[in-house]
Amino acid sequence: MVTGEVKIHRMSEVEKPFTVGLRRADLGGNPIKQFAEWFQRALEANLPEPNAMTLATATKDGFPNARIVLLKAFDEHGFTFFTNYHSPKARELEENPRVALVFFWAPLERQVRITGSVSKVSREESDQYFHNRPVGSQLGAWASRQSEVLATRDDLDQRFAEVNRHYEGQIVPLPPYWGGYRVVPETIEFWQGRPSRLHDRFRYTRQPSGDWKIERLSP
C-alpha cells in the first residue's frame, strides 16, 4: 500500500523545471504511487507549501466555493485534510460531498487535479493528528469560531487568552467540532507543462473493478 505522511523539509535552492515532457511510459498503473513520486519531487525542490491544495466545493444548489487547505496525509484510501466541522466548507461538504482538489507546483510546471467524494475520518485519527499539532494551534481551534463575523481582533485574542488559561498545564482536548476529511479519488489528472502551450496531460479514472484507466488528454 502506498502511504504518505506529509512532512515538509527544505533544500538550499529550487531545482530547475522538469521540461522533457511526460510520456505514457513514465506513468505507473497506480495514480497514488504516481502522486507520491511527484509530491516527493515538489518537497525536494524546496517549494513553498508544496502540500497546499485548492479545495473546491459546492452547495446543494450548485453554488461553487474554493479555498486553499493543507494536505496532511495520503494513501490508497484517499487524501486527508482537517478543519472546523462548523465552517462553511464543512456545511457544503455535508450538503454535497463531491469535491475537487488542485495542486500547482509552478517552478516544476506541474499540476495535479483530483475529483471524488469526501467523508469524515474517524475521531481516533482526528485526535491523533490534533495532538501532533503545536499547542498554540490546538488552542486556536478552541478559540476561533471559523468564518463567523468578528467584531475586533481583540475579541479573538481575548478568547485565545481565556482558552490558554483554562487549559494551562493540561492536555488540550480535541474539540467535538474539529476533525478530518478524506477525499476518495475517482479521477486524478497529471499535467506537465510544455512549450507552446502543448502540455502533457494524463487522466486516471477509477473503474468499477477498482483498476485505473489511463488516457492522454489534449492540452
N, C-alpha and C. Protein backbone atom coordinates (compact mmCIF):
# COMPACT_ATOMS: atom_id res chain seq x y z
N MET A 1 0.85 -1.19 0.00
CA MET A 1 0.00 0.00 0.00
C MET A 1 0.88 1.25 0.00
N VAL A 2 0.56 2.19 -0.85
CA VAL A 2 1.29 3.45 -0.90
C VAL A 2 0.74 4.38 0.17
N THR A 3 1.58 4.91 1.02
CA THR A 3 1.15 5.87 2.02
C THR A 3 2.08 7.06 1.99
N GLY A 4 1.61 8.19 2.48
CA GLY A 4 2.46 9.37 2.52
C GLY A 4 2.05 10.32 3.61
N GLU A 5 2.78 10.32 4.72
CA GLU A 5 2.56 11.32 5.73
C GLU A 5 3.30 12.57 5.31
N VAL A 6 2.63 13.71 5.35
CA VAL A 6 3.20 14.93 4.81
C VAL A 6 4.13 15.56 5.83
N LYS A 7 5.42 15.53 5.54
CA LYS A 7 6.41 16.19 6.37
C LYS A 7 7.25 17.09 5.48
N ILE A 8 7.28 18.37 5.77
CA ILE A 8 7.95 19.34 4.91
C ILE A 8 9.40 19.49 5.33
N HIS A 9 10.30 19.41 4.34
CA HIS A 9 11.69 19.76 4.60
C HIS A 9 12.19 20.57 3.41
N ARG A 10 13.28 21.29 3.60
CA ARG A 10 13.74 22.24 2.60
C ARG A 10 15.12 21.89 2.08
N MET A 11 15.35 22.26 0.80
CA MET A 11 16.68 22.17 0.23
C MET A 11 17.21 23.59 0.07
N SER A 12 18.47 23.71 -0.36
CA SER A 12 19.10 25.02 -0.40
C SER A 12 18.57 25.90 -1.51
N GLU A 13 18.11 25.31 -2.59
CA GLU A 13 17.60 26.11 -3.70
C GLU A 13 16.61 25.32 -4.52
N VAL A 14 15.75 26.05 -5.24
CA VAL A 14 14.75 25.41 -6.09
C VAL A 14 15.43 24.84 -7.33
N GLU A 15 15.12 23.61 -7.65
CA GLU A 15 15.70 22.98 -8.81
C GLU A 15 15.04 23.48 -10.08
N LYS A 16 15.66 23.24 -11.19
CA LYS A 16 15.13 23.70 -12.46
C LYS A 16 13.88 22.91 -12.83
N PRO A 17 12.96 23.51 -13.60
CA PRO A 17 11.74 22.80 -14.00
C PRO A 17 12.04 21.54 -14.79
N PHE A 18 11.13 20.60 -14.68
CA PHE A 18 11.21 19.35 -15.43
C PHE A 18 10.59 19.62 -16.80
N THR A 19 11.43 19.74 -17.83
CA THR A 19 10.95 20.26 -19.12
C THR A 19 10.94 19.23 -20.24
N VAL A 20 11.23 17.97 -19.96
CA VAL A 20 11.32 17.00 -21.05
C VAL A 20 9.97 16.37 -21.37
N GLY A 21 8.92 16.80 -20.69
CA GLY A 21 7.60 16.30 -21.00
C GLY A 21 7.24 15.08 -20.18
N LEU A 22 6.04 14.59 -20.44
CA LEU A 22 5.51 13.44 -19.72
C LEU A 22 5.00 12.43 -20.75
N ARG A 23 5.52 11.21 -20.68
CA ARG A 23 5.13 10.17 -21.61
C ARG A 23 4.29 9.12 -20.89
N ARG A 24 3.50 8.39 -21.66
CA ARG A 24 2.72 7.30 -21.06
C ARG A 24 3.64 6.29 -20.40
N ALA A 25 4.81 6.09 -20.98
CA ALA A 25 5.76 5.12 -20.42
C ALA A 25 6.31 5.57 -19.07
N ASP A 26 6.18 6.87 -18.76
CA ASP A 26 6.67 7.38 -17.48
C ASP A 26 5.71 7.07 -16.33
N LEU A 27 4.50 6.66 -16.66
CA LEU A 27 3.45 6.51 -15.66
C LEU A 27 3.28 5.05 -15.24
N GLY A 28 3.09 4.84 -13.94
CA GLY A 28 2.73 3.53 -13.45
C GLY A 28 1.22 3.36 -13.47
N GLY A 29 0.76 2.18 -13.11
CA GLY A 29 -0.67 1.92 -13.14
C GLY A 29 -1.43 2.45 -11.94
N ASN A 30 -0.70 2.88 -10.90
CA ASN A 30 -1.32 3.34 -9.67
C ASN A 30 -1.14 4.85 -9.53
N PRO A 31 -2.22 5.64 -9.58
CA PRO A 31 -2.06 7.09 -9.52
C PRO A 31 -1.61 7.60 -8.15
N ILE A 32 -1.88 6.84 -7.08
CA ILE A 32 -1.42 7.26 -5.76
C ILE A 32 0.10 7.17 -5.70
N LYS A 33 0.64 6.10 -6.27
CA LYS A 33 2.09 5.98 -6.33
C LYS A 33 2.68 7.07 -7.20
N GLN A 34 2.03 7.38 -8.32
CA GLN A 34 2.49 8.46 -9.19
C GLN A 34 2.45 9.79 -8.47
N PHE A 35 1.38 10.04 -7.72
CA PHE A 35 1.30 11.27 -6.93
C PHE A 35 2.42 11.33 -5.90
N ALA A 36 2.70 10.21 -5.25
CA ALA A 36 3.76 10.18 -4.24
C ALA A 36 5.11 10.58 -4.86
N GLU A 37 5.36 10.12 -6.08
CA GLU A 37 6.62 10.46 -6.75
C GLU A 37 6.67 11.95 -7.06
N TRP A 38 5.58 12.51 -7.57
CA TRP A 38 5.56 13.94 -7.89
C TRP A 38 5.61 14.78 -6.62
N PHE A 39 4.93 14.34 -5.58
CA PHE A 39 4.93 15.10 -4.34
C PHE A 39 6.33 15.12 -3.73
N GLN A 40 7.02 13.99 -3.78
CA GLN A 40 8.39 13.94 -3.28
C GLN A 40 9.29 14.88 -4.06
N ARG A 41 9.09 14.96 -5.35
CA ARG A 41 9.86 15.90 -6.19
C ARG A 41 9.60 17.34 -5.77
N ALA A 42 8.34 17.66 -5.46
CA ALA A 42 7.99 19.01 -5.01
C ALA A 42 8.65 19.32 -3.67
N LEU A 43 8.72 18.33 -2.77
CA LEU A 43 9.40 18.53 -1.50
C LEU A 43 10.89 18.77 -1.71
N GLU A 44 11.50 17.96 -2.56
CA GLU A 44 12.94 18.07 -2.79
C GLU A 44 13.30 19.37 -3.49
N ALA A 45 12.34 19.96 -4.21
CA ALA A 45 12.58 21.21 -4.93
C ALA A 45 12.47 22.43 -4.02
N ASN A 46 12.20 22.20 -2.73
CA ASN A 46 12.16 23.31 -1.77
C ASN A 46 11.09 24.33 -2.11
N LEU A 47 9.94 23.86 -2.61
CA LEU A 47 8.86 24.77 -2.97
C LEU A 47 8.13 25.23 -1.70
N PRO A 48 7.61 26.45 -1.70
CA PRO A 48 6.84 26.91 -0.54
C PRO A 48 5.51 26.18 -0.44
N GLU A 49 5.22 25.62 0.71
CA GLU A 49 3.94 24.94 0.97
C GLU A 49 3.57 23.97 -0.16
N PRO A 50 4.40 22.97 -0.44
CA PRO A 50 4.06 22.03 -1.52
C PRO A 50 2.80 21.23 -1.25
N ASN A 51 2.37 21.17 0.01
CA ASN A 51 1.13 20.44 0.34
C ASN A 51 -0.10 21.33 0.31
N ALA A 52 0.05 22.58 -0.13
CA ALA A 52 -1.12 23.46 -0.28
C ALA A 52 -1.93 23.01 -1.49
N MET A 53 -3.25 22.92 -1.30
CA MET A 53 -4.11 22.47 -2.40
C MET A 53 -5.40 23.28 -2.38
N THR A 54 -5.92 23.55 -3.55
CA THR A 54 -7.23 24.18 -3.66
C THR A 54 -8.29 23.12 -3.44
N LEU A 55 -9.20 23.40 -2.52
CA LEU A 55 -10.36 22.53 -2.27
C LEU A 55 -11.59 23.24 -2.82
N ALA A 56 -12.21 22.65 -3.82
CA ALA A 56 -13.42 23.21 -4.43
C ALA A 56 -14.62 22.40 -3.97
N THR A 57 -15.64 23.14 -3.48
CA THR A 57 -16.88 22.52 -3.03
C THR A 57 -18.04 23.22 -3.70
N ALA A 58 -19.23 22.72 -3.44
CA ALA A 58 -20.44 23.36 -3.96
C ALA A 58 -21.58 23.09 -2.99
N THR A 59 -22.50 24.04 -2.91
CA THR A 59 -23.69 23.85 -2.10
C THR A 59 -24.62 22.86 -2.79
N LYS A 60 -25.71 22.48 -2.12
CA LYS A 60 -26.67 21.58 -2.72
C LYS A 60 -27.34 22.20 -3.94
N ASP A 61 -27.30 23.56 -4.02
CA ASP A 61 -27.86 24.25 -5.18
C ASP A 61 -26.84 24.46 -6.29
N GLY A 62 -25.62 23.97 -6.07
CA GLY A 62 -24.59 24.06 -7.11
C GLY A 62 -23.76 25.33 -7.07
N PHE A 63 -23.90 26.14 -6.00
CA PHE A 63 -23.09 27.36 -5.91
C PHE A 63 -21.67 26.98 -5.49
N PRO A 64 -20.65 27.32 -6.30
CA PRO A 64 -19.29 26.85 -6.03
C PRO A 64 -18.56 27.71 -5.01
N ASN A 65 -17.55 27.11 -4.42
CA ASN A 65 -16.67 27.81 -3.49
C ASN A 65 -15.31 27.13 -3.55
N ALA A 66 -14.26 27.87 -3.24
CA ALA A 66 -12.92 27.29 -3.26
C ALA A 66 -12.04 28.03 -2.27
N ARG A 67 -11.06 27.29 -1.71
CA ARG A 67 -10.11 27.87 -0.79
C ARG A 67 -8.89 26.95 -0.73
N ILE A 68 -7.80 27.48 -0.18
CA ILE A 68 -6.59 26.68 -0.02
C ILE A 68 -6.61 26.00 1.34
N VAL A 69 -6.37 24.69 1.35
CA VAL A 69 -6.19 23.93 2.58
C VAL A 69 -4.89 23.14 2.44
N LEU A 70 -4.47 22.52 3.54
CA LEU A 70 -3.21 21.78 3.51
C LEU A 70 -3.46 20.28 3.57
N LEU A 71 -2.86 19.57 2.63
CA LEU A 71 -2.87 18.11 2.65
C LEU A 71 -2.04 17.63 3.84
N LYS A 72 -2.60 16.74 4.64
CA LYS A 72 -1.88 16.26 5.81
C LYS A 72 -1.48 14.79 5.72
N ALA A 73 -2.13 14.03 4.86
CA ALA A 73 -1.75 12.63 4.65
C ALA A 73 -2.42 12.13 3.38
N PHE A 74 -1.85 11.10 2.79
CA PHE A 74 -2.50 10.43 1.66
C PHE A 74 -2.06 8.98 1.62
N ASP A 75 -2.95 8.14 1.13
CA ASP A 75 -2.66 6.72 0.95
C ASP A 75 -3.64 6.17 -0.06
N GLU A 76 -3.72 4.86 -0.17
CA GLU A 76 -4.60 4.23 -1.15
C GLU A 76 -6.07 4.58 -0.91
N HIS A 77 -6.40 5.01 0.31
CA HIS A 77 -7.79 5.32 0.64
C HIS A 77 -8.17 6.75 0.26
N GLY A 78 -7.19 7.64 0.09
CA GLY A 78 -7.53 9.00 -0.29
C GLY A 78 -6.60 10.04 0.27
N PHE A 79 -7.06 11.30 0.20
CA PHE A 79 -6.27 12.48 0.55
C PHE A 79 -6.95 13.18 1.74
N THR A 80 -6.19 13.42 2.81
CA THR A 80 -6.78 13.86 4.07
C THR A 80 -6.39 15.29 4.42
N PHE A 81 -7.39 16.05 4.87
CA PHE A 81 -7.16 17.40 5.42
C PHE A 81 -8.04 17.55 6.65
N PHE A 82 -7.79 18.60 7.44
CA PHE A 82 -8.50 18.82 8.70
C PHE A 82 -9.07 20.22 8.74
N THR A 83 -10.21 20.36 9.45
CA THR A 83 -10.87 21.66 9.50
C THR A 83 -11.89 21.69 10.63
N ASN A 84 -12.55 22.83 10.77
CA ASN A 84 -13.64 23.01 11.71
C ASN A 84 -14.93 22.48 11.07
N TYR A 85 -15.62 21.57 11.75
CA TYR A 85 -16.83 20.99 11.19
C TYR A 85 -18.02 21.95 11.17
N HIS A 86 -17.86 23.13 11.79
CA HIS A 86 -18.90 24.16 11.75
C HIS A 86 -18.64 25.20 10.67
N SER A 87 -17.57 25.05 9.93
CA SER A 87 -17.18 26.04 8.92
C SER A 87 -18.07 25.94 7.69
N PRO A 88 -18.09 27.00 6.86
CA PRO A 88 -18.87 26.93 5.62
C PRO A 88 -18.48 25.75 4.73
N LYS A 89 -17.18 25.46 4.65
CA LYS A 89 -16.77 24.34 3.80
C LYS A 89 -17.36 23.04 4.30
N ALA A 90 -17.41 22.88 5.64
CA ALA A 90 -17.96 21.66 6.21
C ALA A 90 -19.46 21.55 5.93
N ARG A 91 -20.15 22.67 6.01
CA ARG A 91 -21.59 22.65 5.70
C ARG A 91 -21.80 22.29 4.24
N GLU A 92 -20.96 22.82 3.35
CA GLU A 92 -21.08 22.47 1.93
C GLU A 92 -20.77 21.00 1.70
N LEU A 93 -19.77 20.47 2.41
CA LEU A 93 -19.44 19.05 2.27
C LEU A 93 -20.57 18.16 2.77
N GLU A 94 -21.29 18.63 3.78
CA GLU A 94 -22.44 17.88 4.28
C GLU A 94 -23.56 17.87 3.25
N GLU A 95 -23.78 19.02 2.59
CA GLU A 95 -24.85 19.14 1.60
C GLU A 95 -24.52 18.41 0.30
N ASN A 96 -23.24 18.48 -0.07
CA ASN A 96 -22.82 17.95 -1.37
C ASN A 96 -21.41 17.38 -1.23
N PRO A 97 -21.28 16.09 -0.95
CA PRO A 97 -19.96 15.52 -0.65
C PRO A 97 -19.13 15.20 -1.89
N ARG A 98 -19.28 16.00 -2.94
CA ARG A 98 -18.48 15.85 -4.16
C ARG A 98 -17.51 17.03 -4.23
N VAL A 99 -16.22 16.75 -4.40
CA VAL A 99 -15.22 17.82 -4.32
C VAL A 99 -14.19 17.67 -5.43
N ALA A 100 -13.38 18.73 -5.55
CA ALA A 100 -12.20 18.70 -6.42
C ALA A 100 -11.03 19.28 -5.65
N LEU A 101 -9.85 18.73 -5.91
CA LEU A 101 -8.60 19.23 -5.33
C LEU A 101 -7.67 19.59 -6.48
N VAL A 102 -6.86 20.63 -6.27
CA VAL A 102 -5.85 21.00 -7.27
C VAL A 102 -4.55 21.34 -6.56
N PHE A 103 -3.47 20.70 -6.99
CA PHE A 103 -2.12 21.06 -6.57
C PHE A 103 -1.44 21.74 -7.76
N PHE A 104 -0.72 22.83 -7.50
CA PHE A 104 0.00 23.51 -8.58
C PHE A 104 1.40 23.84 -8.09
N TRP A 105 2.39 23.23 -8.74
CA TRP A 105 3.79 23.44 -8.40
C TRP A 105 4.45 24.17 -9.57
N ALA A 106 4.32 25.49 -9.56
CA ALA A 106 4.71 26.31 -10.71
C ALA A 106 6.15 26.14 -11.14
N PRO A 107 7.14 26.16 -10.23
CA PRO A 107 8.54 26.03 -10.70
C PRO A 107 8.81 24.71 -11.42
N LEU A 108 8.02 23.68 -11.12
CA LEU A 108 8.18 22.40 -11.80
C LEU A 108 7.27 22.26 -13.01
N GLU A 109 6.43 23.29 -13.24
CA GLU A 109 5.44 23.25 -14.32
C GLU A 109 4.56 22.01 -14.22
N ARG A 110 4.07 21.76 -13.00
CA ARG A 110 3.27 20.57 -12.77
C ARG A 110 1.98 20.92 -12.02
N GLN A 111 0.94 20.21 -12.37
CA GLN A 111 -0.36 20.35 -11.72
C GLN A 111 -0.98 18.97 -11.57
N VAL A 112 -1.67 18.76 -10.45
CA VAL A 112 -2.43 17.54 -10.24
C VAL A 112 -3.85 17.93 -9.88
N ARG A 113 -4.82 17.37 -10.60
CA ARG A 113 -6.24 17.62 -10.35
C ARG A 113 -6.90 16.32 -9.92
N ILE A 114 -7.71 16.41 -8.85
CA ILE A 114 -8.36 15.23 -8.27
C ILE A 114 -9.84 15.53 -8.10
N THR A 115 -10.69 14.60 -8.48
CA THR A 115 -12.12 14.71 -8.18
C THR A 115 -12.54 13.45 -7.44
N GLY A 116 -13.54 13.59 -6.57
CA GLY A 116 -14.01 12.43 -5.84
C GLY A 116 -15.03 12.79 -4.80
N SER A 117 -15.27 11.88 -3.90
CA SER A 117 -16.23 12.06 -2.82
C SER A 117 -15.48 12.17 -1.50
N VAL A 118 -16.15 12.75 -0.50
CA VAL A 118 -15.48 13.04 0.77
C VAL A 118 -16.29 12.47 1.92
N SER A 119 -15.59 12.05 2.97
CA SER A 119 -16.23 11.61 4.20
C SER A 119 -15.31 11.93 5.37
N LYS A 120 -15.88 12.00 6.56
CA LYS A 120 -15.08 12.29 7.75
C LYS A 120 -14.20 11.09 8.11
N VAL A 121 -13.00 11.40 8.62
CA VAL A 121 -12.15 10.35 9.15
C VAL A 121 -12.63 10.01 10.56
N SER A 122 -12.10 8.97 11.15
CA SER A 122 -12.51 8.56 12.49
C SER A 122 -12.07 9.59 13.52
N ARG A 123 -12.77 9.61 14.66
CA ARG A 123 -12.36 10.51 15.75
C ARG A 123 -10.97 10.15 16.25
N GLU A 124 -10.64 8.87 16.22
CA GLU A 124 -9.31 8.45 16.66
C GLU A 124 -8.23 9.05 15.77
N GLU A 125 -8.46 9.05 14.46
CA GLU A 125 -7.49 9.62 13.53
C GLU A 125 -7.39 11.13 13.71
N SER A 126 -8.53 11.79 13.90
CA SER A 126 -8.52 13.23 14.13
C SER A 126 -7.80 13.57 15.43
N ASP A 127 -8.05 12.77 16.48
CA ASP A 127 -7.41 13.02 17.77
C ASP A 127 -5.90 12.86 17.67
N GLN A 128 -5.46 11.84 16.97
CA GLN A 128 -4.03 11.61 16.82
C GLN A 128 -3.36 12.78 16.10
N TYR A 129 -3.97 13.25 15.01
CA TYR A 129 -3.39 14.38 14.29
C TYR A 129 -3.44 15.64 15.15
N PHE A 130 -4.57 15.89 15.81
CA PHE A 130 -4.74 17.10 16.61
C PHE A 130 -3.64 17.23 17.65
N HIS A 131 -3.29 16.14 18.29
CA HIS A 131 -2.29 16.22 19.35
C HIS A 131 -0.86 16.15 18.84
N ASN A 132 -0.70 16.07 17.53
CA ASN A 132 0.62 16.25 16.91
C ASN A 132 0.83 17.70 16.46
N ARG A 133 -0.22 18.51 16.56
CA ARG A 133 -0.11 19.93 16.19
C ARG A 133 0.58 20.70 17.31
N PRO A 134 1.17 21.87 17.00
CA PRO A 134 1.68 22.73 18.07
C PRO A 134 0.56 23.09 19.04
N VAL A 135 0.89 23.26 20.31
CA VAL A 135 -0.12 23.57 21.32
C VAL A 135 -0.88 24.84 20.96
N GLY A 136 -0.18 25.83 20.41
CA GLY A 136 -0.86 27.06 20.01
C GLY A 136 -1.95 26.81 18.99
N SER A 137 -1.69 25.90 18.06
CA SER A 137 -2.70 25.57 17.05
C SER A 137 -3.87 24.82 17.68
N GLN A 138 -3.58 23.98 18.67
CA GLN A 138 -4.66 23.28 19.37
C GLN A 138 -5.56 24.29 20.09
N LEU A 139 -4.94 25.25 20.78
CA LEU A 139 -5.71 26.27 21.47
C LEU A 139 -6.49 27.13 20.49
N GLY A 140 -5.89 27.41 19.34
CA GLY A 140 -6.56 28.22 18.33
C GLY A 140 -7.82 27.57 17.80
N ALA A 141 -7.83 26.23 17.74
CA ALA A 141 -9.03 25.53 17.28
C ALA A 141 -10.20 25.75 18.24
N TRP A 142 -9.91 25.92 19.52
CA TRP A 142 -10.95 26.21 20.51
C TRP A 142 -11.34 27.68 20.47
N ALA A 143 -10.37 28.56 20.23
CA ALA A 143 -10.63 30.00 20.32
C ALA A 143 -11.36 30.55 19.09
N SER A 144 -11.12 29.98 17.92
CA SER A 144 -11.67 30.54 16.69
C SER A 144 -12.99 29.90 16.30
N ARG A 145 -14.00 30.73 16.09
CA ARG A 145 -15.28 30.28 15.53
C ARG A 145 -15.20 30.53 14.02
N GLN A 146 -14.62 29.59 13.33
CA GLN A 146 -14.15 29.79 11.96
C GLN A 146 -15.22 30.38 11.04
N SER A 147 -14.85 31.48 10.40
CA SER A 147 -15.64 32.18 9.37
C SER A 147 -16.79 33.00 9.94
N GLU A 148 -17.02 32.96 11.26
CA GLU A 148 -18.04 33.84 11.83
C GLU A 148 -17.54 35.28 11.86
N VAL A 149 -18.47 36.24 11.77
CA VAL A 149 -18.09 37.65 11.81
C VAL A 149 -17.43 37.96 13.15
N LEU A 150 -16.30 38.66 13.09
CA LEU A 150 -15.54 39.01 14.28
C LEU A 150 -15.51 40.53 14.41
N ALA A 151 -16.00 41.03 15.53
CA ALA A 151 -16.10 42.49 15.70
C ALA A 151 -14.73 43.14 15.70
N THR A 152 -13.79 42.60 16.47
CA THR A 152 -12.44 43.17 16.53
C THR A 152 -11.44 42.04 16.71
N ARG A 153 -10.20 42.32 16.37
CA ARG A 153 -9.12 41.36 16.62
C ARG A 153 -8.96 41.11 18.12
N ASP A 154 -9.21 42.13 18.93
CA ASP A 154 -9.09 41.99 20.38
C ASP A 154 -10.00 40.89 20.91
N ASP A 155 -11.19 40.74 20.30
CA ASP A 155 -12.11 39.70 20.74
C ASP A 155 -11.50 38.32 20.57
N LEU A 156 -10.85 38.11 19.44
CA LEU A 156 -10.21 36.82 19.17
C LEU A 156 -9.05 36.60 20.13
N ASP A 157 -8.23 37.63 20.31
CA ASP A 157 -7.08 37.49 21.21
C ASP A 157 -7.54 37.20 22.64
N GLN A 158 -8.65 37.81 23.05
CA GLN A 158 -9.16 37.59 24.39
C GLN A 158 -9.65 36.14 24.55
N ARG A 159 -10.34 35.62 23.54
CA ARG A 159 -10.80 34.23 23.61
C ARG A 159 -9.62 33.28 23.68
N PHE A 160 -8.58 33.58 22.90
CA PHE A 160 -7.39 32.72 22.92
C PHE A 160 -6.75 32.74 24.31
N ALA A 161 -6.66 33.92 24.91
CA ALA A 161 -6.07 34.02 26.25
C ALA A 161 -6.90 33.25 27.27
N GLU A 162 -8.21 33.30 27.14
CA GLU A 162 -9.08 32.58 28.07
C GLU A 162 -8.91 31.07 27.92
N VAL A 163 -8.84 30.61 26.68
CA VAL A 163 -8.64 29.17 26.44
C VAL A 163 -7.27 28.74 26.96
N ASN A 164 -6.28 29.58 26.76
CA ASN A 164 -4.92 29.29 27.22
C ASN A 164 -4.90 29.13 28.74
N ARG A 165 -5.58 30.04 29.44
CA ARG A 165 -5.64 29.95 30.90
C ARG A 165 -6.41 28.70 31.35
N HIS A 166 -7.48 28.40 30.64
CA HIS A 166 -8.33 27.28 31.03
C HIS A 166 -7.58 25.95 30.95
N TYR A 167 -6.76 25.77 29.89
CA TYR A 167 -6.07 24.50 29.68
C TYR A 167 -4.60 24.53 30.12
N GLU A 168 -4.21 25.56 30.83
CA GLU A 168 -2.82 25.67 31.26
C GLU A 168 -2.43 24.44 32.09
N GLY A 169 -1.34 23.80 31.70
CA GLY A 169 -0.85 22.63 32.41
C GLY A 169 -1.62 21.35 32.11
N GLN A 170 -2.54 21.40 31.16
CA GLN A 170 -3.35 20.24 30.82
C GLN A 170 -3.14 19.84 29.36
N ILE A 171 -3.56 18.63 29.04
CA ILE A 171 -3.62 18.22 27.64
C ILE A 171 -4.85 18.86 27.02
N VAL A 172 -4.67 19.56 25.93
CA VAL A 172 -5.80 20.23 25.26
C VAL A 172 -6.63 19.17 24.55
N PRO A 173 -7.92 19.05 24.87
CA PRO A 173 -8.74 18.02 24.22
C PRO A 173 -9.11 18.40 22.79
N LEU A 174 -9.41 17.38 22.01
CA LEU A 174 -9.90 17.61 20.65
C LEU A 174 -11.30 18.22 20.71
N PRO A 175 -11.51 19.37 20.08
CA PRO A 175 -12.87 19.93 20.07
C PRO A 175 -13.85 18.99 19.37
N PRO A 176 -15.07 18.90 19.84
CA PRO A 176 -16.04 18.00 19.21
C PRO A 176 -16.41 18.41 17.80
N TYR A 177 -16.13 19.67 17.44
CA TYR A 177 -16.49 20.20 16.13
C TYR A 177 -15.29 20.30 15.20
N TRP A 178 -14.22 19.58 15.47
CA TRP A 178 -13.00 19.71 14.68
C TRP A 178 -12.50 18.32 14.30
N GLY A 179 -12.06 18.16 13.04
CA GLY A 179 -11.53 16.87 12.63
C GLY A 179 -11.20 16.81 11.16
N GLY A 180 -11.01 15.61 10.66
CA GLY A 180 -10.51 15.43 9.32
C GLY A 180 -11.56 14.95 8.33
N TYR A 181 -11.23 15.18 7.05
CA TYR A 181 -11.99 14.64 5.93
C TYR A 181 -11.02 13.89 5.02
N ARG A 182 -11.53 12.87 4.39
CA ARG A 182 -10.74 12.13 3.40
C ARG A 182 -11.45 12.18 2.06
N VAL A 183 -10.72 12.62 1.04
CA VAL A 183 -11.25 12.65 -0.32
C VAL A 183 -10.87 11.35 -1.01
N VAL A 184 -11.87 10.57 -1.39
CA VAL A 184 -11.65 9.31 -2.10
C VAL A 184 -11.67 9.61 -3.60
N PRO A 185 -10.54 9.47 -4.28
CA PRO A 185 -10.47 9.92 -5.68
C PRO A 185 -11.19 9.02 -6.65
N GLU A 186 -11.82 9.66 -7.63
CA GLU A 186 -12.42 8.94 -8.76
C GLU A 186 -11.66 9.23 -10.04
N THR A 187 -11.10 10.44 -10.14
CA THR A 187 -10.18 10.78 -11.23
C THR A 187 -8.99 11.51 -10.66
N ILE A 188 -7.83 11.28 -11.25
CA ILE A 188 -6.60 12.00 -10.89
C ILE A 188 -5.90 12.33 -12.20
N GLU A 189 -5.68 13.62 -12.43
CA GLU A 189 -5.03 14.06 -13.68
C GLU A 189 -3.66 14.67 -13.37
N PHE A 190 -2.68 14.25 -14.15
CA PHE A 190 -1.32 14.77 -14.04
C PHE A 190 -1.03 15.64 -15.26
N TRP A 191 -0.63 16.88 -15.00
CA TRP A 191 -0.38 17.88 -16.03
C TRP A 191 1.08 18.31 -15.97
N GLN A 192 1.77 18.20 -17.09
CA GLN A 192 3.16 18.63 -17.19
C GLN A 192 3.28 19.71 -18.25
N GLY A 193 3.79 20.88 -17.86
CA GLY A 193 3.92 21.98 -18.80
C GLY A 193 4.92 21.68 -19.91
N ARG A 194 4.58 22.18 -21.11
CA ARG A 194 5.46 22.05 -22.27
C ARG A 194 5.44 23.35 -23.05
N PRO A 195 6.44 23.60 -23.93
CA PRO A 195 6.46 24.83 -24.72
C PRO A 195 5.24 24.95 -25.64
N SER A 196 4.94 26.16 -26.01
CA SER A 196 3.86 26.49 -26.96
C SER A 196 2.49 26.04 -26.47
N ARG A 197 2.33 25.93 -25.16
CA ARG A 197 1.06 25.50 -24.55
C ARG A 197 0.65 24.10 -24.95
N LEU A 198 1.58 23.32 -25.49
CA LEU A 198 1.28 21.94 -25.89
C LEU A 198 1.64 21.02 -24.72
N HIS A 199 0.92 21.18 -23.63
CA HIS A 199 1.22 20.48 -22.40
C HIS A 199 0.86 19.00 -22.49
N ASP A 200 1.45 18.22 -21.60
CA ASP A 200 1.12 16.81 -21.49
C ASP A 200 0.13 16.62 -20.34
N ARG A 201 -0.95 15.89 -20.62
CA ARG A 201 -1.98 15.62 -19.60
C ARG A 201 -2.38 14.15 -19.67
N PHE A 202 -2.40 13.52 -18.51
CA PHE A 202 -2.87 12.15 -18.42
C PHE A 202 -3.88 12.05 -17.27
N ARG A 203 -5.00 11.41 -17.55
CA ARG A 203 -6.06 11.25 -16.55
C ARG A 203 -6.25 9.78 -16.20
N TYR A 204 -6.20 9.52 -14.91
CA TYR A 204 -6.56 8.20 -14.37
C TYR A 204 -8.02 8.25 -13.95
N THR A 205 -8.80 7.26 -14.36
CA THR A 205 -10.20 7.16 -13.95
C THR A 205 -10.43 5.80 -13.30
N ARG A 206 -10.97 5.82 -12.08
CA ARG A 206 -11.20 4.57 -11.36
C ARG A 206 -12.33 3.79 -12.04
N GLN A 207 -12.11 2.51 -12.26
CA GLN A 207 -13.08 1.63 -12.89
C GLN A 207 -13.87 0.85 -11.83
N PRO A 208 -15.03 0.32 -12.20
CA PRO A 208 -15.82 -0.46 -11.23
C PRO A 208 -15.03 -1.60 -10.59
N SER A 209 -14.07 -2.13 -11.32
CA SER A 209 -13.23 -3.22 -10.80
C SER A 209 -12.24 -2.75 -9.75
N GLY A 210 -12.04 -1.43 -9.66
CA GLY A 210 -11.03 -0.88 -8.78
C GLY A 210 -9.74 -0.54 -9.49
N ASP A 211 -9.59 -1.03 -10.72
CA ASP A 211 -8.42 -0.68 -11.53
C ASP A 211 -8.57 0.75 -12.04
N TRP A 212 -7.49 1.25 -12.67
CA TRP A 212 -7.49 2.62 -13.17
C TRP A 212 -7.27 2.63 -14.68
N LYS A 213 -8.11 3.37 -15.39
CA LYS A 213 -7.95 3.59 -16.83
C LYS A 213 -7.15 4.86 -17.03
N ILE A 214 -6.14 4.80 -17.91
CA ILE A 214 -5.28 5.95 -18.16
C ILE A 214 -5.50 6.44 -19.58
N GLU A 215 -5.75 7.74 -19.72
CA GLU A 215 -5.99 8.36 -21.02
C GLU A 215 -5.17 9.64 -21.15
N ARG A 216 -4.61 9.84 -22.34
CA ARG A 216 -3.95 11.12 -22.63
C ARG A 216 -5.02 12.12 -23.07
N LEU A 217 -4.93 13.36 -22.55
CA LEU A 217 -5.90 14.41 -22.89
C LEU A 217 -5.21 15.48 -23.71
N SER A 218 -5.98 16.13 -24.56
CA SER A 218 -5.45 17.29 -25.31
C SER A 218 -5.15 18.43 -24.33
N PRO A 219 -4.12 19.22 -24.62
CA PRO A 219 -3.79 20.34 -23.71
C PRO A 219 -4.82 21.44 -23.78
